């Protein structure tokens, strides 16, 4: 039987918790600190499994719960503001990165890793842009509006 866990915000951090009844009282067991952005990664799954081996969780349901609470429709929400700021910063950082810098790099491993990460980013962007273009998900209306411009 899987435990009904949920994500809770406390201050600026998110936690994965579940309620445990002990001595007639309900206490919250903190399974993991998720950070300032509620995200369940494979690392979180491994750490919870290691720290709480007898607790079975429905990870798919938890991920869906988190994704359904991310309100990207509200331009004033902290999540939207943070995402837009991170995208702007990434664009500026990438604009300052020139191929000659990669060739000059004293570490070929660093240059290779940068190229791998840039290709991964390109792939992720292509998938996300295709989702906008095909009108899937919550952004179908926004995508149609952007194509008309």
C-alpha atoms as a PDB file:
ATOM      1  CA  UNK A   1       0.000   0.000   0.000  1.00  0.00           C
ATOM      2  CA  UNK A   2       1.418   3.398  -0.946  1.00  0.00           C
ATOM      3  CA  UNK A   3       1.479   6.306   1.489  1.00  0.00           C
ATOM      4  CA  UNK A   4      -0.471   9.472   0.730  1.00  0.00           C
ATOM      5  CA  UNK A   5       2.308  12.029   0.686  1.00  0.00           C
ATOM      6  CA  UNK A   6       1.967  15.630  -0.404  1.00  0.00           C
ATOM      7  CA  UNK A   7       4.054  18.710  -1.047  1.00  0.00           C
ATOM      8  CA  UNK A   8       4.000  21.469   1.530  1.00  0.00           C
ATOM      9  CA  UNK A   9       5.482  24.927   1.381  1.00  0.00           C
ATOM     10  CA  UNK A  10       7.141  26.259   4.509  1.00  0.00           C
ATOM     11  CA  UNK A  11       8.729  29.671   4.140  1.00  0.00           C
ATOM     12  CA  UNK A  12      10.546  29.779   0.813  1.00  0.00           C
ATOM     13  CA  UNK A  13      11.096  26.024   0.604  1.00  0.00           C
ATOM     14  CA  UNK A  14       8.975  23.071  -0.446  1.00  0.00           C
ATOM     15  CA  UNK A  15       8.926  19.760   1.412  1.00  0.00           C
ATOM     16  CA  UNK A  16       7.629  16.296   0.638  1.00  0.00           C
ATOM     17  CA  UNK A  17       5.709  15.191   3.730  1.00  0.00           C
ATOM     18  CA  UNK A  18       3.190  12.657   4.887  1.00  0.00           C
ATOM     19  CA  UNK A  19       1.095  12.390   8.017  1.00  0.00           C
ATOM     20  CA  UNK A  20       1.788   9.719  10.617  1.00  0.00           C
ATOM     21  CA  UNK A  21      -0.475   8.937  13.550  1.00  0.00           C
ATOM     22  CA  UNK A  22       1.452   8.307  16.777  1.00  0.00           C
ATOM     23  CA  UNK A  23      -0.171   8.079  20.176  1.00  0.00           C
ATOM     24  CA  UNK A  24      -3.448   9.473  18.906  1.00  0.00           C
ATOM     25  CA  UNK A  25      -1.749  12.528  17.421  1.00  0.00           C
ATOM     26  CA  UNK A  26      -1.011  13.273  13.800  1.00  0.00           C
ATOM     27  CA  UNK A  27       2.541  14.323  13.029  1.00  0.00           C
ATOM     28  CA  UNK A  28       4.077  15.280   9.749  1.00  0.00           C
ATOM     29  CA  UNK A  29       7.032  13.220   8.643  1.00  0.00           C
ATOM     30  CA  UNK A  30       9.311  15.259   6.378  1.00  0.00           C
ATOM     31  CA  UNK A  31      10.468  12.872   3.677  1.00  0.00           C
ATOM     32  CA  UNK A  32      12.553  15.344   1.663  1.00  0.00           C
ATOM     33  CA  UNK A  33      13.356  19.004   1.217  1.00  0.00           C
ATOM     34  CA  UNK A  34      12.576  19.868  -2.402  1.00  0.00           C
ATOM     35  CA  UNK A  35      14.120  23.332  -2.361  1.00  0.00           C
ATOM     36  CA  UNK A  36      12.733  26.650  -3.497  1.00  0.00           C
ATOM     37  CA  UNK A  37      11.016  25.018  -6.465  1.00  0.00           C
ATOM     38  CA  UNK A  38       8.891  21.946  -5.903  1.00  0.00           C
ATOM     39  CA  UNK A  39      10.471  19.334  -8.138  1.00  0.00           C
ATOM     40  CA  UNK A  40      10.743  15.597  -7.658  1.00  0.00           C
ATOM     41  CA  UNK A  41      13.909  14.386  -9.331  1.00  0.00           C
ATOM     42  CA  UNK A  42      15.369  10.903  -9.506  1.00  0.00           C
ATOM     43  CA  UNK A  43      17.802  12.015  -6.795  1.00  0.00           C
ATOM     44  CA  UNK A  44      14.873  12.847  -4.478  1.00  0.00           C
ATOM     45  CA  UNK A  45      13.321   9.441  -5.198  1.00  0.00           C
ATOM     46  CA  UNK A  46      16.607   7.661  -4.353  1.00  0.00           C
ATOM     47  CA  UNK A  47      17.170   9.683  -1.173  1.00  0.00           C
ATOM     48  CA  UNK A  48      13.637   9.080   0.119  1.00  0.00           C
ATOM     49  CA  UNK A  49      13.892   5.356  -0.682  1.00  0.00           C
ATOM     50  CA  UNK A  50      17.199   5.181   1.201  1.00  0.00           C
ATOM     51  CA  UNK A  51      16.114   7.295   4.177  1.00  0.00           C
ATOM     52  CA  UNK A  52      12.609   5.765   4.468  1.00  0.00           C
ATOM     53  CA  UNK A  53      12.851   2.237   2.981  1.00  0.00           C
ATOM     54  CA  UNK A  54       9.476   1.100   4.303  1.00  0.00           C
ATOM     55  CA  UNK A  55       7.520   4.035   2.890  1.00  0.00           C
ATOM     56  CA  UNK A  56       6.027   3.330  -0.548  1.00  0.00           C
ATOM     57  CA  UNK A  57       5.039   6.396  -2.518  1.00  0.00           C
ATOM     58  CA  UNK A  58       3.109   6.921  -5.734  1.00  0.00           C
ATOM     59  CA  UNK A  59       5.756   9.039  -7.462  1.00  0.00           C
ATOM     60  CA  UNK A  60       3.696   9.548 -10.630  1.00  0.00           C
ATOM     61  CA  UNK A  61       0.808  10.963  -8.625  1.00  0.00           C
ATOM     62  CA  UNK A  62       3.153  13.251  -6.667  1.00  0.00           C
ATOM     63  CA  UNK A  63       4.716  14.590  -9.873  1.00  0.00           C
ATOM     64  CA  UNK A  64       1.237  15.224 -11.322  1.00  0.00           C
ATOM     65  CA  UNK A  65       0.245  17.013  -8.098  1.00  0.00           C
ATOM     66  CA  UNK A  66       3.258  19.303  -8.376  1.00  0.00           C
ATOM     67  CA  UNK A  67       2.746  19.990 -12.079  1.00  0.00           C
ATOM     68  CA  UNK A  68      -0.919  20.838 -11.582  1.00  0.00           C
ATOM     69  CA  UNK A  69      -0.040  23.444  -8.927  1.00  0.00           C
ATOM     70  CA  UNK A  70       2.403  25.372 -11.103  1.00  0.00           C
ATOM     71  CA  UNK A  71       0.296  28.306 -12.282  1.00  0.00           C
ATOM     72  CA  UNK A  72       1.978  29.656 -15.391  1.00  0.00           C
ATOM     73  CA  UNK A  73      -1.196  31.475 -16.436  1.00  0.00           C
ATOM     74  CA  UNK A  74      -0.725  34.176 -13.793  1.00  0.00           C
ATOM     75  CA  UNK A  75       2.015  36.572 -14.981  1.00  0.00           C
ATOM     76  CA  UNK A  76       2.407  37.913 -11.439  1.00  0.00           C
ATOM     77  CA  UNK A  77       2.951  34.548  -9.771  1.00  0.00           C
ATOM     78  CA  UNK A  78       6.403  34.043  -8.217  1.00  0.00           C
ATOM     79  CA  UNK A  79       6.872  30.872 -10.283  1.00  0.00           C
ATOM     80  CA  UNK A  80       6.303  32.731 -13.564  1.00  0.00           C
ATOM     81  CA  UNK A  81       8.503  35.640 -12.498  1.00  0.00           C
ATOM     82  CA  UNK A  82      11.316  33.284 -11.495  1.00  0.00           C
ATOM     83  CA  UNK A  83      11.039  31.237 -14.706  1.00  0.00           C
ATOM     84  CA  UNK A  84      11.088  34.334 -16.924  1.00  0.00           C
ATOM     85  CA  UNK A  85      14.067  35.765 -15.002  1.00  0.00           C
ATOM     86  CA  UNK A  86      15.963  32.471 -15.323  1.00  0.00           C
ATOM     87  CA  UNK A  87      15.256  32.308 -19.077  1.00  0.00           C
ATOM     88  CA  UNK A  88      16.425  35.906 -19.550  1.00  0.00           C
ATOM     89  CA  UNK A  89      19.618  35.228 -17.577  1.00  0.00           C
ATOM     90  CA  UNK A  90      20.286  32.064 -19.569  1.00  0.00           C
ATOM     91  CA  UNK A  91      19.805  33.966 -22.833  1.00  0.00           C
ATOM     92  CA  UNK A  92      22.282  36.628 -21.714  1.00  0.00           C
ATOM     93  CA  UNK A  93      24.818  34.028 -20.567  1.00  0.00           C
ATOM     94  CA  UNK A  94      24.544  32.149 -23.864  1.00  0.00           C
ATOM     95  CA  UNK A  95      24.832  35.359 -25.883  1.00  0.00           C
ATOM     96  CA  UNK A  96      28.186  35.999 -24.178  1.00  0.00           C
ATOM     97  CA  UNK A  97      29.497  32.506 -24.971  1.00  0.00           C
ATOM     98  CA  UNK A  98      31.547  32.450 -28.176  1.00  0.00           C
ATOM     99  CA  UNK A  99      32.974  29.339 -29.893  1.00  0.00           C
ATOM    100  CA  UNK A 100      36.579  30.679 -29.735  1.00  0.00           C
ATOM    101  CA  UNK A 101      36.302  30.577 -25.941  1.00  0.00           C
ATOM    102  CA  UNK A 102      35.565  26.859 -26.164  1.00  0.00           C
ATOM    103  CA  UNK A 103      38.604  26.250 -28.383  1.00  0.00           C
ATOM    104  CA  UNK A 104      40.867  28.262 -26.087  1.00  0.00           C
ATOM    105  CA  UNK A 105      39.650  26.382 -23.020  1.00  0.00           C
ATOM    106  CA  UNK A 106      42.518  24.690 -21.261  1.00  0.00           C
ATOM    107  CA  UNK A 107      40.308  21.744 -20.488  1.00  0.00           C
ATOM    108  CA  UNK A 108      38.922  19.781 -23.441  1.00  0.00           C
ATOM    109  CA  UNK A 109      36.603  18.041 -20.983  1.00  0.00           C
ATOM    110  CA  UNK A 110      35.021  21.383 -20.058  1.00  0.00           C
ATOM    111  CA  UNK A 111      34.547  22.313 -23.711  1.00  0.00           C
ATOM    112  CA  UNK A 112      32.973  18.898 -24.434  1.00  0.00           C
ATOM    113  CA  UNK A 113      30.631  19.183 -21.444  1.00  0.00           C
ATOM    114  CA  UNK A 114      29.532  22.670 -22.509  1.00  0.00           C
ATOM    115  CA  UNK A 115      28.747  21.369 -25.992  1.00  0.00           C
ATOM    116  CA  UNK A 116      26.821  18.395 -24.598  1.00  0.00           C
ATOM    117  CA  UNK A 117      24.759  20.675 -22.356  1.00  0.00           C
ATOM    118  CA  UNK A 118      24.088  23.134 -25.207  1.00  0.00           C
ATOM    119  CA  UNK A 119      22.883  20.277 -27.436  1.00  0.00           C
ATOM    120  CA  UNK A 120      20.666  18.981 -24.632  1.00  0.00           C
ATOM    121  CA  UNK A 121      19.240  22.465 -24.170  1.00  0.00           C
ATOM    122  CA  UNK A 122      18.613  22.730 -27.917  1.00  0.00           C
ATOM    123  CA  UNK A 123      16.768  19.407 -27.888  1.00  0.00           C
ATOM    124  CA  UNK A 124      14.657  20.405 -24.882  1.00  0.00           C
ATOM    125  CA  UNK A 125      13.793  23.734 -26.504  1.00  0.00           C
ATOM    126  CA  UNK A 126      12.740  21.998 -29.726  1.00  0.00           C
ATOM    127  CA  UNK A 127      10.418  19.674 -27.807  1.00  0.00           C
ATOM    128  CA  UNK A 128       8.894  22.535 -25.807  1.00  0.00           C
ATOM    129  CA  UNK A 129       8.448  24.766 -28.859  1.00  0.00           C
ATOM    130  CA  UNK A 130       6.777  21.876 -30.705  1.00  0.00           C
ATOM    131  CA  UNK A 131       4.354  21.531 -27.799  1.00  0.00           C
ATOM    132  CA  UNK A 132       3.475  25.226 -28.154  1.00  0.00           C
ATOM    133  CA  UNK A 133       3.150  24.912 -31.944  1.00  0.00           C
ATOM    134  CA  UNK A 134       0.794  21.948 -31.799  1.00  0.00           C
ATOM    135  CA  UNK A 135      -1.494  23.636 -29.287  1.00  0.00           C
ATOM    136  CA  UNK A 136      -1.117  20.915 -26.702  1.00  0.00           C
ATOM    137  CA  UNK A 137      -1.435  21.487 -22.981  1.00  0.00           C
ATOM    138  CA  UNK A 138      -2.373  24.726 -21.258  1.00  0.00           C
ATOM    139  CA  UNK A 139      -0.652  26.934 -23.843  1.00  0.00           C
ATOM    140  CA  UNK A 140      -2.734  26.134 -26.924  1.00  0.00           C
ATOM    141  CA  UNK A 141      -4.409  29.577 -26.944  1.00  0.00           C
ATOM    142  CA  UNK A 142      -1.126  31.406 -26.311  1.00  0.00           C
ATOM    143  CA  UNK A 143       0.574  29.420 -29.060  1.00  0.00           C
ATOM    144  CA  UNK A 144      -2.097  30.316 -31.622  1.00  0.00           C
ATOM    145  CA  UNK A 145      -1.845  33.974 -30.568  1.00  0.00           C
ATOM    146  CA  UNK A 146       1.944  33.977 -30.951  1.00  0.00           C
ATOM    147  CA  UNK A 147       1.779  32.382 -34.427  1.00  0.00           C
ATOM    148  CA  UNK A 148      -0.535  35.156 -35.694  1.00  0.00           C
ATOM    149  CA  UNK A 149       2.028  37.884 -34.926  1.00  0.00           C
END
